[in-house]
Amino acid sequence: MTKLTRETLLTRAFSDAKNYPYGFSRSGDFSISESKALSQYGCLIAALADGQIAPSTAEDEAFVAAIHGQKAPETLAEKAWVKYQKRINRPKMGSIYGSHRTSLGDDEDTVVEDSDLEIEMDD
């Protein structure tokens, strides 16, 4: 198994097939420069966030501080990573159709089911 280093992580292109199957640039969530920054620095920032590697430069320490909210993101890569984390960790929307049976009027005991509906057709 290869040892993770800063140089090897910077040569890898970062992608998230689960949340962005068509890529960051085609999602509409990120600008072109943000998607390039995520692709270039994403593997490094993810490894720093997970604790797989220790920060070795001042830039790495700035990434870690921005990831943990200890400072406001300043560089494009930091801003793009924070934006990416907000997008993938946002609450999931529920169904617009709901999961409860439909009730009639104000009476909670009256419930309409499909078998109760009758349609009369004039021929």
PDB file of N, CA and C in Angstrom:
ATOM      1  N   MET A   1       0.845  -1.171   0.000  1.00  0.00           N
ATOM      2  CA  MET A   1       0.000   0.000   0.000  1.00  0.00           C
ATOM      3  C   MET A   1       0.895   1.241   0.000  1.00  0.00           C
ATOM      4  N   THR A   2       0.541   2.217  -0.798  1.00  0.00           N
ATOM      5  CA  THR A   2       1.347   3.424  -0.888  1.00  0.00           C
ATOM      6  C   THR A   2       1.077   4.339   0.289  1.00  0.00           C
ATOM      7  N   LYS A   3       2.134   4.975   0.711  1.00  0.00           N
ATOM      8  CA  LYS A   3       2.012   5.914   1.820  1.00  0.00           C
ATOM      9  C   LYS A   3       1.473   7.234   1.289  1.00  0.00           C
ATOM     10  N   LEU A   4       0.500   7.799   2.007  1.00  0.00           N
ATOM     11  CA  LEU A   4      -0.082   9.070   1.590  1.00  0.00           C
ATOM     12  C   LEU A   4       0.862  10.206   1.936  1.00  0.00           C
ATOM     13  N   THR A   5       1.174  10.988   0.947  1.00  0.00           N
ATOM     14  CA  THR A   5       1.966  12.191   1.151  1.00  0.00           C
ATOM     15  C   THR A   5       1.228  13.359   0.518  1.00  0.00           C
ATOM     16  N   ARG A   6       1.652  14.528   0.859  1.00  0.00           N
ATOM     17  CA  ARG A   6       1.022  15.733   0.318  1.00  0.00           C
ATOM     18  C   ARG A   6       1.142  15.774  -1.203  1.00  0.00           C
ATOM     19  N   GLU A   7       2.289  15.382  -1.724  1.00  0.00           N
ATOM     20  CA  GLU A   7       2.535  15.435  -3.165  1.00  0.00           C
ATOM     21  C   GLU A   7       1.650  14.441  -3.919  1.00  0.00           C
ATOM     22  N   THR A   8       1.507  13.227  -3.380  1.00  0.00           N
ATOM     23  CA  THR A   8       0.671  12.244  -4.076  1.00  0.00           C
ATOM     24  C   THR A   8      -0.801  12.645  -4.029  1.00  0.00           C
ATOM     25  N   LEU A   9      -1.230  13.262  -2.929  1.00  0.00           N
ATOM     26  CA  LEU A   9      -2.624  13.686  -2.827  1.00  0.00           C
ATOM     27  C   LEU A   9      -2.932  14.852  -3.757  1.00  0.00           C
ATOM     28  N   LEU A  10      -1.956  15.704  -3.998  1.00  0.00           N
ATOM     29  CA  LEU A  10      -2.176  16.834  -4.904  1.00  0.00           C
ATOM     30  C   LEU A  10      -2.211  16.394  -6.366  1.00  0.00           C
ATOM     31  N   THR A  11      -1.639  15.234  -6.681  1.00  0.00           N
ATOM     32  CA  THR A  11      -1.679  14.754  -8.066  1.00  0.00           C
ATOM     33  C   THR A  11      -2.991  14.027  -8.376  1.00  0.00           C
ATOM     34  N   ARG A  12      -3.712  13.598  -7.352  1.00  0.00           N
ATOM     35  CA  ARG A  12      -4.992  12.921  -7.549  1.00  0.00           C
ATOM     36  C   ARG A  12      -6.111  13.930  -7.777  1.00  0.00           C
ATOM     37  N   ALA A  13      -7.010  13.580  -8.669  1.00  0.00           N
ATOM     38  CA  ALA A  13      -8.190  14.417  -8.896  1.00  0.00           C
ATOM     39  C   ALA A  13      -9.293  13.958  -7.950  1.00  0.00           C
ATOM     40  N   PHE A  14      -9.875  14.893  -7.234  1.00  0.00           N
ATOM     41  CA  PHE A  14     -10.928  14.586  -6.273  1.00  0.00           C
ATOM     42  C   PHE A  14     -12.276  14.573  -6.985  1.00  0.00           C
ATOM     43  N   SER A  15     -13.087  13.571  -6.689  1.00  0.00           N
ATOM     44  CA  SER A  15     -14.449  13.517  -7.222  1.00  0.00           C
ATOM     45  C   SER A  15     -15.345  12.853  -6.182  1.00  0.00           C
ATOM     46  N   ASP A  16     -16.621  13.139  -6.265  1.00  0.00           N
ATOM     47  CA  ASP A  16     -17.612  12.576  -5.357  1.00  0.00           C
ATOM     48  C   ASP A  16     -18.734  11.999  -6.210  1.00  0.00           C
ATOM     49  N   ALA A  17     -18.608  10.723  -6.542  1.00  0.00           N
ATOM     50  CA  ALA A  17     -19.578  10.087  -7.439  1.00  0.00           C
ATOM     51  C   ALA A  17     -20.949   9.925  -6.791  1.00  0.00           C
ATOM     52  N   LYS A  18     -20.998   9.871  -5.475  1.00  0.00           N
ATOM     53  CA  LYS A  18     -22.284   9.700  -4.795  1.00  0.00           C
ATOM     54  C   LYS A  18     -23.122  10.970  -4.852  1.00  0.00           C
ATOM     55  N   ASN A  19     -22.538  12.100  -4.472  1.00  0.00           N
ATOM     56  CA  ASN A  19     -23.284  13.357  -4.408  1.00  0.00           C
ATOM     57  C   ASN A  19     -23.226  14.160  -5.702  1.00  0.00           C
ATOM     58  N   TYR A  20     -22.164  14.003  -6.458  1.00  0.00           N
ATOM     59  CA  TYR A  20     -21.998  14.734  -7.718  1.00  0.00           C
ATOM     60  C   TYR A  20     -21.569  13.752  -8.805  1.00  0.00           C
ATOM     61  N   PRO A  21     -22.507  12.914  -9.294  1.00  0.00           N
ATOM     62  CA  PRO A  21     -22.132  11.881 -10.262  1.00  0.00           C
ATOM     63  C   PRO A  21     -21.639  12.432 -11.597  1.00  0.00           C
ATOM     64  N   TYR A  22     -22.015  13.638 -11.957  1.00  0.00           N
ATOM     65  CA  TYR A  22     -21.587  14.225 -13.224  1.00  0.00           C
ATOM     66  C   TYR A  22     -20.450  15.221 -13.052  1.00  0.00           C
ATOM     67  N   GLY A  23     -19.913  15.322 -11.848  1.00  0.00           N
ATOM     68  CA  GLY A  23     -18.796  16.214 -11.583  1.00  0.00           C
ATOM     69  C   GLY A  23     -19.248  17.518 -10.954  1.00  0.00           C
ATOM     70  N   PHE A  24     -18.284  18.196 -10.379  1.00  0.00           N
ATOM     71  CA  PHE A  24     -18.581  19.453  -9.702  1.00  0.00           C
ATOM     72  C   PHE A  24     -18.961  20.550 -10.695  1.00  0.00           C
ATOM     73  N   SER A  25     -18.299  20.581 -11.844  1.00  0.00           N
ATOM     74  CA  SER A  25     -18.533  21.660 -12.794  1.00  0.00           C
ATOM     75  C   SER A  25     -19.897  21.567 -13.461  1.00  0.00           C
ATOM     76  N   ARG A  26     -20.487  20.380 -13.520  1.00  0.00           N
ATOM     77  CA  ARG A  26     -21.781  20.216 -14.161  1.00  0.00           C
ATOM     78  C   ARG A  26     -22.941  20.249 -13.172  1.00  0.00           C
ATOM     79  N   SER A  27     -22.642  20.419 -11.892  1.00  0.00           N
ATOM     80  CA  SER A  27     -23.693  20.355 -10.875  1.00  0.00           C
ATOM     81  C   SER A  27     -24.513  21.629 -10.780  1.00  0.00           C
ATOM     82  N   GLY A  28     -23.903  22.771 -11.076  1.00  0.00           N
ATOM     83  CA  GLY A  28     -24.590  24.042 -10.905  1.00  0.00           C
ATOM     84  C   GLY A  28     -24.404  24.622  -9.518  1.00  0.00           C
ATOM     85  N   ASP A  29     -23.778  23.866  -8.618  1.00  0.00           N
ATOM     86  CA  ASP A  29     -23.539  24.344  -7.256  1.00  0.00           C
ATOM     87  C   ASP A  29     -22.250  25.156  -7.147  1.00  0.00           C
ATOM     88  N   PHE A  30     -21.307  24.909  -8.035  1.00  0.00           N
ATOM     89  CA  PHE A  30     -19.985  25.520  -7.931  1.00  0.00           C
ATOM     90  C   PHE A  30     -19.628  26.252  -9.218  1.00  0.00           C
ATOM     91  N   SER A  31     -18.848  27.314  -9.059  1.00  0.00           N
ATOM     92  CA  SER A  31     -18.342  28.027 -10.227  1.00  0.00           C
ATOM     93  C   SER A  31     -17.229  27.191 -10.855  1.00  0.00           C
ATOM     94  N   ILE A  32     -16.759  27.607 -12.005  1.00  0.00           N
ATOM     95  CA  ILE A  32     -15.696  26.877 -12.690  1.00  0.00           C
ATOM     96  C   ILE A  32     -14.429  26.865 -11.844  1.00  0.00           C
ATOM     97  N   SER A  33     -14.084  27.997 -11.266  1.00  0.00           N
ATOM     98  CA  SER A  33     -12.868  28.057 -10.453  1.00  0.00           C
ATOM     99  C   SER A  33     -13.005  27.243  -9.175  1.00  0.00           C
ATOM    100  N   GLU A  34     -14.205  27.234  -8.578  1.00  0.00           N
ATOM    101  CA  GLU A  34     -14.420  26.420  -7.384  1.00  0.00           C
ATOM    102  C   GLU A  34     -14.340  24.927  -7.703  1.00  0.00           C
ATOM    103  N   SER A  35     -14.894  24.520  -8.829  1.00  0.00           N
ATOM    104  CA  SER A  35     -14.837  23.102  -9.194  1.00  0.00           C
ATOM    105  C   SER A  35     -13.409  22.670  -9.503  1.00  0.00           C
ATOM    106  N   LYS A  36     -12.617  23.550 -10.103  1.00  0.00           N
ATOM    107  CA  LYS A  36     -11.202  23.238 -10.345  1.00  0.00           C
ATOM    108  C   LYS A  36     -10.435  23.130  -9.028  1.00  0.00           C
ATOM    109  N   ALA A  37     -10.717  24.027  -8.095  1.00  0.00           N
ATOM    110  CA  ALA A  37     -10.044  23.986  -6.791  1.00  0.00           C
ATOM    111  C   ALA A  37     -10.415  22.717  -6.031  1.00  0.00           C
ATOM    112  N   LEU A  38     -11.688  22.313  -6.089  1.00  0.00           N
ATOM    113  CA  LEU A  38     -12.102  21.072  -5.430  1.00  0.00           C
ATOM    114  C   LEU A  38     -11.424  19.861  -6.050  1.00  0.00           C
ATOM    115  N   SER A  39     -11.351  19.836  -7.373  1.00  0.00           N
ATOM    116  CA  SER A  39     -10.707  18.709  -8.040  1.00  0.00           C
ATOM    117  C   SER A  39      -9.224  18.643  -7.709  1.00  0.00           C
ATOM    118  N   GLN A  40      -8.572  19.786  -7.629  1.00  0.00           N
ATOM    119  CA  GLN A  40      -7.129  19.821  -7.384  1.00  0.00           C
ATOM    120  C   GLN A  40      -6.783  19.575  -5.917  1.00  0.00           C
ATOM    121  N   TYR A  41      -7.457  20.217  -4.989  1.00  0.00           N
ATOM    122  CA  TYR A  41      -7.090  20.159  -3.580  1.00  0.00           C
ATOM    123  C   TYR A  41      -7.992  19.239  -2.742  1.00  0.00           C
ATOM    124  N   GLY A  42      -9.045  18.698  -3.325  1.00  0.00           N
ATOM    125  CA  GLY A  42     -10.017  17.928  -2.567  1.00  0.00           C
ATOM    126  C   GLY A  42      -9.453  16.708  -1.860  1.00  0.00           C
ATOM    127  N   CYS A  43      -8.595  15.938  -2.529  1.00  0.00           N
ATOM    128  CA  CYS A  43      -8.005  14.743  -1.900  1.00  0.00           C
ATOM    129  C   CYS A  43      -7.142  15.135  -0.704  1.00  0.00           C
ATOM    130  N   LEU A  44      -6.364  16.198  -0.837  1.00  0.00           N
ATOM    131  CA  LEU A  44      -5.511  16.664   0.245  1.00  0.00           C
ATOM    132  C   LEU A  44      -6.360  17.147   1.425  1.00  0.00           C
ATOM    133  N   ILE A  45      -7.364  17.953   1.157  1.00  0.00           N
ATOM    134  CA  ILE A  45      -8.199  18.493   2.229  1.00  0.00           C
ATOM    135  C   ILE A  45      -8.979  17.373   2.917  1.00  0.00           C
ATOM    136  N   ALA A  46      -9.471  16.412   2.135  1.00  0.00           N
ATOM    137  CA  ALA A  46     -10.206  15.290   2.732  1.00  0.00           C
ATOM    138  C   ALA A  46      -9.294  14.469   3.634  1.00  0.00           C
ATOM    139  N   ALA A  47      -8.051  14.244   3.217  1.00  0.00           N
ATOM    140  CA  ALA A  47      -7.107  13.490   4.045  1.00  0.00           C
ATOM    141  C   ALA A  47      -6.753  14.267   5.309  1.00  0.00           C
ATOM    142  N   LEU A  48      -6.617  15.575   5.204  1.00  0.00           N
ATOM    143  CA  LEU A  48      -6.353  16.404   6.387  1.00  0.00           C
ATOM    144  C   LEU A  48      -7.556  16.391   7.334  1.00  0.00           C
ATOM    145  N   ALA A  49      -8.750  16.449   6.781  1.00  0.00           N
ATOM    146  CA  ALA A  49      -9.959  16.464   7.607  1.00  0.00           C
ATOM    147  C   ALA A  49     -10.162  15.137   8.326  1.00  0.00           C
ATOM    148  N   ASP A  50      -9.833  14.037   7.663  1.00  0.00           N
ATOM    149  CA  ASP A  50      -9.999  12.713   8.257  1.00  0.00           C
ATOM    150  C   ASP A  50      -8.858  12.329   9.183  1.00  0.00           C
ATOM    151  N   GLY A  51      -7.796  13.117   9.192  1.00  0.00           N
ATOM    152  CA  GLY A  51      -6.652  12.823  10.039  1.00  0.00           C
ATOM    153  C   GLY A  51      -5.733  11.761   9.464  1.00  0.00           C
ATOM    154  N   GLN A  52      -5.844  11.486   8.171  1.00  0.00           N
ATOM    155  CA  GLN A  52      -4.987  10.491   7.533  1.00  0.00           C
ATOM    156  C   GLN A  52      -3.552  10.981   7.402  1.00  0.00           C
ATOM    157  N   ILE A  53      -3.388  12.287   7.241  1.00  0.00           N
ATOM    158  CA  ILE A  53      -2.054  12.882   7.218  1.00  0.00           C
ATOM    159  C   ILE A  53      -2.041  14.084   8.153  1.00  0.00           C
ATOM    160  N   ALA A  54      -0.867  14.411   8.614  1.00  0.00           N
ATOM    161  CA  ALA A  54      -0.708  15.581   9.485  1.00  0.00           C
ATOM    162  C   ALA A  54      -0.356  16.787   8.628  1.00  0.00           C
ATOM    163  N   PRO A  55      -0.796  17.976   9.018  1.00  0.00           N
ATOM    164  CA  PRO A  55      -0.434  19.170   8.246  1.00  0.00           C
ATOM    165  C   PRO A  55       1.071  19.401   8.289  1.00  0.00           C
ATOM    166  N   SER A  56       1.648  19.602   7.103  1.00  0.00           N
ATOM    167  CA  SER A  56       3.102  19.769   7.034  1.00  0.00           C
ATOM    168  C   SER A  56       3.517  21.176   6.629  1.00  0.00           C
ATOM    169  N   THR A  57       2.600  21.948   6.091  1.00  0.00           N
ATOM    170  CA  THR A  57       2.917  23.316   5.683  1.00  0.00           C
ATOM    171  C   THR A  57       1.921  24.284   6.325  1.00  0.00           C
ATOM    172  N   ALA A  58       2.213  25.564   6.179  1.00  0.00           N
ATOM    173  CA  ALA A  58       1.296  26.589   6.700  1.00  0.00           C
ATOM    174  C   ALA A  58      -0.034  26.545   5.957  1.00  0.00           C
ATOM    175  N   GLU A  59       0.013  26.200   4.672  1.00  0.00           N
ATOM    176  CA  GLU A  59      -1.207  26.086   3.885  1.00  0.00           C
ATOM    177  C   GLU A  59      -2.083  24.941   4.416  1.00  0.00           C
ATOM    178  N   ASP A  60      -1.450  23.830   4.765  1.00  0.00           N
ATOM    179  CA  ASP A  60      -2.185  22.694   5.330  1.00  0.00           C
ATOM    180  C   ASP A  60      -2.817  23.069   6.667  1.00  0.00           C
ATOM    181  N   GLU A  61      -2.104  23.788   7.485  1.00  0.00           N
ATOM    182  CA  GLU A  61      -2.637  24.219   8.778  1.00  0.00           C
ATOM    183  C   GLU A  61      -3.812  25.178   8.589  1.00  0.00           C
ATOM    184  N   ALA A  62      -3.732  26.016   7.558  1.00  0.00           N
ATOM    185  CA  ALA A  62      -4.839  26.922   7.252  1.00  0.00           C
ATOM    186  C   ALA A  62      -6.055  26.126   6.789  1.00  0.00           C
ATOM    187  N   PHE A  63      -5.828  25.060   5.992  1.00  0.00           N
ATOM    188  CA  PHE A  63      -6.926  24.189   5.572  1.00  0.00           C
ATOM    189  C   PHE A  63      -7.614  23.576   6.788  1.00  0.00           C
ATOM    190  N   VAL A  64      -6.826  23.044   7.711  1.00  0.00           N
ATOM    191  CA  VAL A  64      -7.370  22.387   8.901  1.00  0.00           C
ATOM    192  C   VAL A  64      -8.159  23.380   9.756  1.00  0.00           C
ATOM    193  N   ALA A  65      -7.630  24.579   9.915  1.00  0.00           N
ATOM    194  CA  ALA A  65      -8.331  25.596  10.711  1.00  0.00           C
ATOM    195  C   ALA A  65      -9.656  25.980  10.055  1.00  0.00           C
ATOM    196  N   ALA A  66      -9.675  26.092   8.724  1.00  0.00           N
ATOM    197  CA  ALA A  66     -10.910  26.442   8.019  1.00  0.00           C
ATOM    198  C   ALA A  66     -11.904  25.289   8.063  1.00  0.00           C
ATOM    199  N   ILE A  67     -11.414  24.059   7.992  1.00  0.00           N
ATOM    200  CA  ILE A  67     -12.292  22.888   8.037  1.00  0.00           C
ATOM    201  C   ILE A  67     -13.021  22.805   9.368  1.00  0.00           C
ATOM    202  N   HIS A  68     -12.308  23.043  10.441  1.00  0.00           N
ATOM    203  CA  HIS A  68     -12.879  22.919  11.780  1.00  0.00           C
ATOM    204  C   HIS A  68     -13.545  24.199  12.269  1.00  0.00           C
ATOM    205  N   GLY A  69     -13.617  25.218  11.430  1.00  0.00           N
ATOM    206  CA  GLY A  69     -14.299  26.447  11.779  1.00  0.00           C
ATOM    207  C   GLY A  69     -13.543  27.349  12.725  1.00  0.00           C
ATOM    208  N   GLN A  70     -12.241  27.127  12.868  1.00  0.00           N
ATOM    209  CA  GLN A  70     -11.434  27.954  13.756  1.00  0.00           C
ATOM    210  C   GLN A  70     -11.087  29.294  13.130  1.00  0.00           C
ATOM    211  N   LYS A  71     -11.203  29.373  11.812  1.00  0.00           N
ATOM    212  CA  LYS A  71     -10.991  30.637  11.104  1.00  0.00           C
ATOM    213  C   LYS A  71     -11.884  30.644   9.876  1.00  0.00           C
ATOM    214  N   ALA A  72     -12.147  31.816   9.389  1.00  0.00           N
ATOM    215  CA  ALA A  72     -12.959  31.942   8.183  1.00  0.00           C
ATOM    216  C   ALA A  72     -12.134  31.512   6.975  1.00  0.00           C
ATOM    217  N   PRO A  73     -12.741  30.800   6.024  1.00  0.00           N
ATOM    218  CA  PRO A  73     -11.990  30.395   4.835  1.00  0.00           C
ATOM    219  C   PRO A  73     -11.564  31.612   4.025  1.00  0.00           C
ATOM    220  N   GLU A  74     -10.303  31.612   3.610  1.00  0.00           N
ATOM    221  CA  GLU A  74      -9.762  32.757   2.880  1.00  0.00           C
ATOM    222  C   GLU A  74      -9.429  32.428   1.429  1.00  0.00           C
ATOM    223  N   THR A  75      -8.783  31.301   1.186  1.00  0.00           N
ATOM    224  CA  THR A  75      -8.397  30.959  -0.176  1.00  0.00           C
ATOM    225  C   THR A  75      -9.585  30.349  -0.915  1.00  0.00           C
ATOM    226  N   LEU A  76      -9.457  30.268  -2.223  1.00  0.00           N
ATOM    227  CA  LEU A  76     -10.523  29.705  -3.041  1.00  0.00           C
ATOM    228  C   LEU A  76     -10.774  28.240  -2.687  1.00  0.00           C
ATOM    229  N   ALA A  77      -9.710  27.484  -2.448  1.00  0.00           N
ATOM    230  CA  ALA A  77      -9.860  26.064  -2.105  1.00  0.00           C
ATOM    231  C   ALA A  77     -10.568  25.899  -0.762  1.00  0.00           C
ATOM    232  N   GLU A  78     -10.240  26.726   0.211  1.00  0.00           N
ATOM    233  CA  GLU A  78     -10.903  26.651   1.522  1.00  0.00           C
ATOM    234  C   GLU A  78     -12.384  26.992   1.390  1.00  0.00           C
ATOM    235  N   LYS A  79     -12.695  28.045   0.650  1.00  0.00           N
ATOM    236  CA  LYS A  79     -14.085  28.446   0.461  1.00  0.00           C
ATOM    237  C   LYS A  79     -14.871  27.372  -0.277  1.00  0.00           C
ATOM    238  N   ALA A  80     -14.253  26.784  -1.297  1.00  0.00           N
ATOM    239  CA  ALA A  80     -14.926  25.743  -2.069  1.00  0.00           C
ATOM    240  C   ALA A  80     -15.168  24.502  -1.212  1.00  0.00           C
ATOM    241  N   TRP A  81     -14.208  24.141  -0.351  1.00  0.00           N
ATOM    242  CA  TRP A  81     -14.386  22.968   0.510  1.00  0.00           C
ATOM    243  C   TRP A  81     -15.497  23.190   1.536  1.00  0.00           C
ATOM    244  N   VAL A  82     -15.536  24.361   2.140  1.00  0.00           N
ATOM    245  CA  VAL A  82     -16.585  24.662   3.119  1.00  0.00           C
ATOM    246  C   VAL A  82     -17.954  24.656   2.428  1.00  0.00           C
ATOM    247  N   LYS A  83     -18.022  25.208   1.239  1.00  0.00           N
ATOM    248  CA  LYS A  83     -19.265  25.212   0.470  1.00  0.00           C
ATOM    249  C   LYS A  83     -19.676  23.783   0.110  1.00  0.00           C
ATOM    250  N   TYR A  84     -18.713  22.960  -0.280  1.00  0.00           N
ATOM    251  CA  TYR A  84     -18.967  21.553  -0.606  1.00  0.00           C
ATOM    252  C   TYR A  84     -19.515  20.811   0.611  1.00  0.00           C
ATOM    253  N   GLN A  85     -18.925  21.027   1.776  1.00  0.00           N
ATOM    254  CA  GLN A  85     -19.392  20.363   2.995  1.00  0.00           C
ATOM    255  C   GLN A  85     -20.809  20.792   3.359  1.00  0.00           C
ATOM    256  N   LYS A  86     -21.119  22.070   3.167  1.00  0.00           N
ATOM    257  CA  LYS A  86     -22.475  22.548   3.448  1.00  0.00           C
ATOM    258  C   LYS A  86     -23.481  21.895   2.504  1.00  0.00           C
ATOM    259  N   ARG A  87     -23.087  21.711   1.249  1.00  0.00           N
ATOM    260  CA  ARG A  87     -23.992  21.128   0.259  1.00  0.00           C
ATOM    261  C   ARG A  87     -24.264  19.654   0.538  1.00  0.00           C
ATOM    262  N   ILE A  88     -23.237  18.889   0.884  1.00  0.00           N
ATOM    263  CA  ILE A  88     -23.457  17.452   1.064  1.00  0.00           C
ATOM    264  C   ILE A  88     -24.042  17.121   2.425  1.00  0.00           C
ATOM    265  N   ASN A  89     -23.942  18.037   3.376  1.00  0.00           N
ATOM    266  CA  ASN A  89     -24.459  17.784   4.716  1.00  0.00           C
ATOM    267  C   ASN A  89     -25.771  18.501   5.002  1.00  0.00           C
ATOM    268  N   ARG A  90     -26.408  19.067   3.993  1.00  0.00           N
ATOM    269  CA  ARG A  90     -27.684  19.736   4.214  1.00  0.00           C
ATOM    270  C   ARG A  90     -28.773  18.691   4.457  1.00  0.00           C
ATOM    271  N   PRO A  91     -29.813  19.058   5.179  1.00  0.00           N
ATOM    272  CA  PRO A  91     -30.875  18.094   5.479  1.00  0.00           C
ATOM    273  C   PRO A  91     -31.581  17.642   4.204  1.00  0.00           C
ATOM    274  N   LYS A  92     -31.984  16.398   4.207  1.00  0.00           N
ATOM    275  CA  LYS A  92     -32.683  15.834   3.048  1.00  0.00           C
ATOM    276  C   LYS A  92     -34.137  16.274   3.077  1.00  0.00           C
ATOM    277  N   MET A  93     -34.670  16.567   1.922  1.00  0.00           N
ATOM    278  CA  MET A  93     -36.056  17.004   1.807  1.00  0.00           C
ATOM    279  C   MET A  93     -36.978  15.794   1.861  1.00  0.00           C
ATOM    280  N   GLY A  94     -38.134  15.969   2.479  1.00  0.00           N
ATOM    281  CA  GLY A  94     -39.130  14.913   2.533  1.00  0.00           C
ATOM    282  C   GLY A  94     -39.943  14.884   1.257  1.00  0.00           C
ATOM    283  N   SER A  95     -40.781  13.918   1.149  1.00  0.00           N
ATOM    284  CA  SER A  95     -41.636  13.783  -0.016  1.00  0.00           C
ATOM    285  C   SER A  95     -42.719  14.846   0.006  1.00  0.00           C
ATOM    286  N   ILE A  96     -43.041  15.377  -1.146  1.00  0.00           N
ATOM    287  CA  ILE A  96     -44.112  16.367  -1.212  1.00  0.00           C
ATOM    288  C   ILE A  96     -45.471  15.698  -1.143  1.00  0.00           C
ATOM    289  N   TYR A  97     -45.508  14.383  -1.318  1.00  0.00           N
ATOM    290  CA  TYR A  97     -46.771  13.667  -1.299  1.00  0.00           C
ATOM    291  C   TYR A  97     -47.130  13.171   0.087  1.00  0.00           C
ATOM    292  N   GLY A  98     -46.191  13.117   0.972  1.00  0.00           N
ATOM    293  CA  GLY A  98     -46.468  12.694   2.334  1.00  0.00           C
ATOM    294  C   GLY A  98     -46.600  11.184   2.455  1.00  0.00           C
ATOM    295  N   SER A  99     -46.769  10.737   3.675  1.00  0.00           N
ATOM    296  CA  SER A  99     -46.898   9.305   3.910  1.00  0.00           C
ATOM    297  C   SER A  99     -48.135   8.978   4.730  1.00  0.00           C
ATOM    298  N   HIS A 100     -49.004   9.956   4.960  1.00  0.00           N
ATOM    299  CA  HIS A 100     -50.207   9.755   5.760  1.00  0.00           C
ATOM    300  C   HIS A 100     -51.418   9.626   4.851  1.00  0.00           C
ATOM    301  N   ARG A 101     -52.434   8.947   5.365  1.00  0.00           N
ATOM    302  CA  ARG A 101     -53.669   8.810   4.616  1.00  0.00           C
ATOM    303  C   ARG A 101     -54.417  10.135   4.629  1.00  0.00           C
ATOM    304  N   THR A 102     -55.154  10.406   3.588  1.00  0.00           N
ATOM    305  CA  THR A 102     -55.887  11.658   3.460  1.00  0.00           C
ATOM    306  C   THR A 102     -57.146  11.618   4.310  1.00  0.00           C
ATOM    307  N   SER A 103     -57.421  12.703   5.032  1.00  0.00           N
ATOM    308  CA  SER A 103     -58.626  12.771   5.861  1.00  0.00           C
ATOM    309  C   SER A 103     -59.583  13.807   5.296  1.00  0.00           C
ATOM    310  N   LEU A 104     -60.872  13.637   5.615  1.00  0.00           N
ATOM    311  CA  LEU A 104     -61.900  14.572   5.175  1.00  0.00           C
ATOM    312  C   LEU A 104     -62.219  15.552   6.280  1.00  0.00           C
ATOM    313  N   GLY A 105     -62.307  16.824   5.958  1.00  0.00           N
ATOM    314  CA  GLY A 105     -62.760  17.840   6.891  1.00  0.00           C
ATOM    315  C   GLY A 105     -61.941  17.924   8.166  1.00  0.00           C
ATOM    316  N   ASP A 106     -62.631  18.385   9.237  1.00  0.00           N
ATOM    317  CA  ASP A 106     -61.983  18.566  10.521  1.00  0.00           C
ATOM    318  C   ASP A 106     -62.020  17.312  11.378  1.00  0.00           C
ATOM    319  N   ASP A 107     -62.863  16.363  11.027  1.00  0.00           N
ATOM    320  CA  ASP A 107     -63.019  15.148  11.826  1.00  0.00           C
ATOM    321  C   ASP A 107     -61.842  14.213  11.541  1.00  0.00           C
ATOM    322  N   GLU A 108     -61.046  13.931  12.552  1.00  0.00           N
ATOM    323  CA  GLU A 108     -59.856  13.100  12.386  1.00  0.00           C
ATOM    324  C   GLU A 108     -60.192  11.631  12.176  1.00  0.00           C
ATOM    325  N   ASP A 109     -61.432  11.207  12.528  1.00  0.00           N
ATOM    326  CA  ASP A 109     -61.793   9.800  12.401  1.00  0.00           C
ATOM    327  C   ASP A 109     -62.236   9.438  10.991  1.00  0.00           C
ATOM    328  N   THR A 110     -62.614  10.410  10.192  1.00  0.00           N
ATOM    329  CA  THR A 110     -63.084  10.155   8.843  1.00  0.00           C
ATOM    330  C   THR A 110     -61.877  10.082   7.902  1.00  0.00           C
ATOM    331  N   VAL A 111     -61.696   8.929   7.304  1.00  0.00           N
ATOM    332  CA  VAL A 111     -60.560   8.711   6.414  1.00  0.00           C
ATOM    333  C   VAL A 111     -61.077   8.195   5.085  1.00  0.00           C
ATOM    334  N   VAL A 112     -60.540   8.707   3.999  1.00  0.00           N
ATOM    335  CA  VAL A 112     -60.931   8.270   2.673  1.00  0.00           C
ATOM    336  C   VAL A 112     -59.938   7.216   2.206  1.00  0.00           C
ATOM    337  N   GLU A 113     -60.459   6.090   1.779  1.00  0.00           N
ATOM    338  CA  GLU A 113     -59.620   5.053   1.205  1.00  0.00           C
ATOM    339  C   GLU A 113     -60.084   4.813  -0.224  1.00  0.00           C
ATOM    340  N   ASP A 114     -59.277   4.185  -1.010  1.00  0.00           N
ATOM    341  CA  ASP A 114     -59.604   3.962  -2.415  1.00  0.00           C
ATOM    342  C   ASP A 114     -60.860   3.112  -2.586  1.00  0.00           C
ATOM    343  N   SER A 115     -61.098   2.160  -1.705  1.00  0.00           N
ATOM    344  CA  SER A 115     -62.258   1.282  -1.826  1.00  0.00           C
ATOM    345  C   SER A 115     -63.562   2.016  -1.520  1.00  0.00           C
ATOM    346  N   ASP A 116     -63.518   3.153  -0.841  1.00  0.00           N
ATOM    347  CA  ASP A 116     -64.711   3.914  -0.492  1.00  0.00           C
ATOM    348  C   ASP A 116     -65.172   4.829  -1.624  1.00  0.00           C
ATOM    349  N   LEU A 117     -64.338   5.060  -2.594  1.00  0.00           N
ATOM    350  CA  LEU A 117     -64.670   5.972  -3.675  1.00  0.00           C
ATOM    351  C   LEU A 117     -65.485   5.248  -4.739  1.00  0.00           C
ATOM    352  N   GLU A 118     -66.580   5.848  -5.123  1.00  0.00           N
ATOM    353  CA  GLU A 118     -67.408   5.287  -6.180  1.00  0.00           C
ATOM    354  C   GLU A 118     -67.580   6.363  -7.246  1.00  0.00           C
ATOM    355  N   ILE A 119     -67.472   5.941  -8.458  1.00  0.00           N
ATOM    356  CA  ILE A 119     -67.625   6.866  -9.573  1.00  0.00           C
ATOM    357  C   ILE A 119     -68.840   6.437 -10.380  1.00  0.00           C
ATOM    358  N   GLU A 120     -69.784   7.369 -10.553  1.00  0.00           N
ATOM    359  CA  GLU A 120     -70.972   7.079 -11.348  1.00  0.00           C
ATOM    360  C   GLU A 120     -70.781   7.729 -12.706  1.00  0.00           C
ATOM    361  N   MET A 121     -71.004   6.940 -13.721  1.00  0.00           N
ATOM    362  CA  MET A 121     -70.852   7.440 -15.079  1.00  0.00           C
ATOM    363  C   MET A 121     -72.192   7.349 -15.797  1.00  0.00           C
ATOM    364  N   ASP A 122     -72.606   8.407 -16.459  1.00  0.00           N
ATOM    365  CA  ASP A 122     -73.842   8.408 -17.236  1.00  0.00           C
ATOM    366  C   ASP A 122     -73.521   7.942 -18.643  1.00  0.00           C
ATOM    367  N   ASP A 123     -74.231   6.906 -19.078  1.00  0.00           N
ATOM    368  CA  ASP A 123     -74.024   6.405 -20.446  1.00  0.00           C
ATOM    369  C   ASP A 123     -75.064   6.882 -21.383  1.00  0.00           C
TER     370      ASP A 123
END
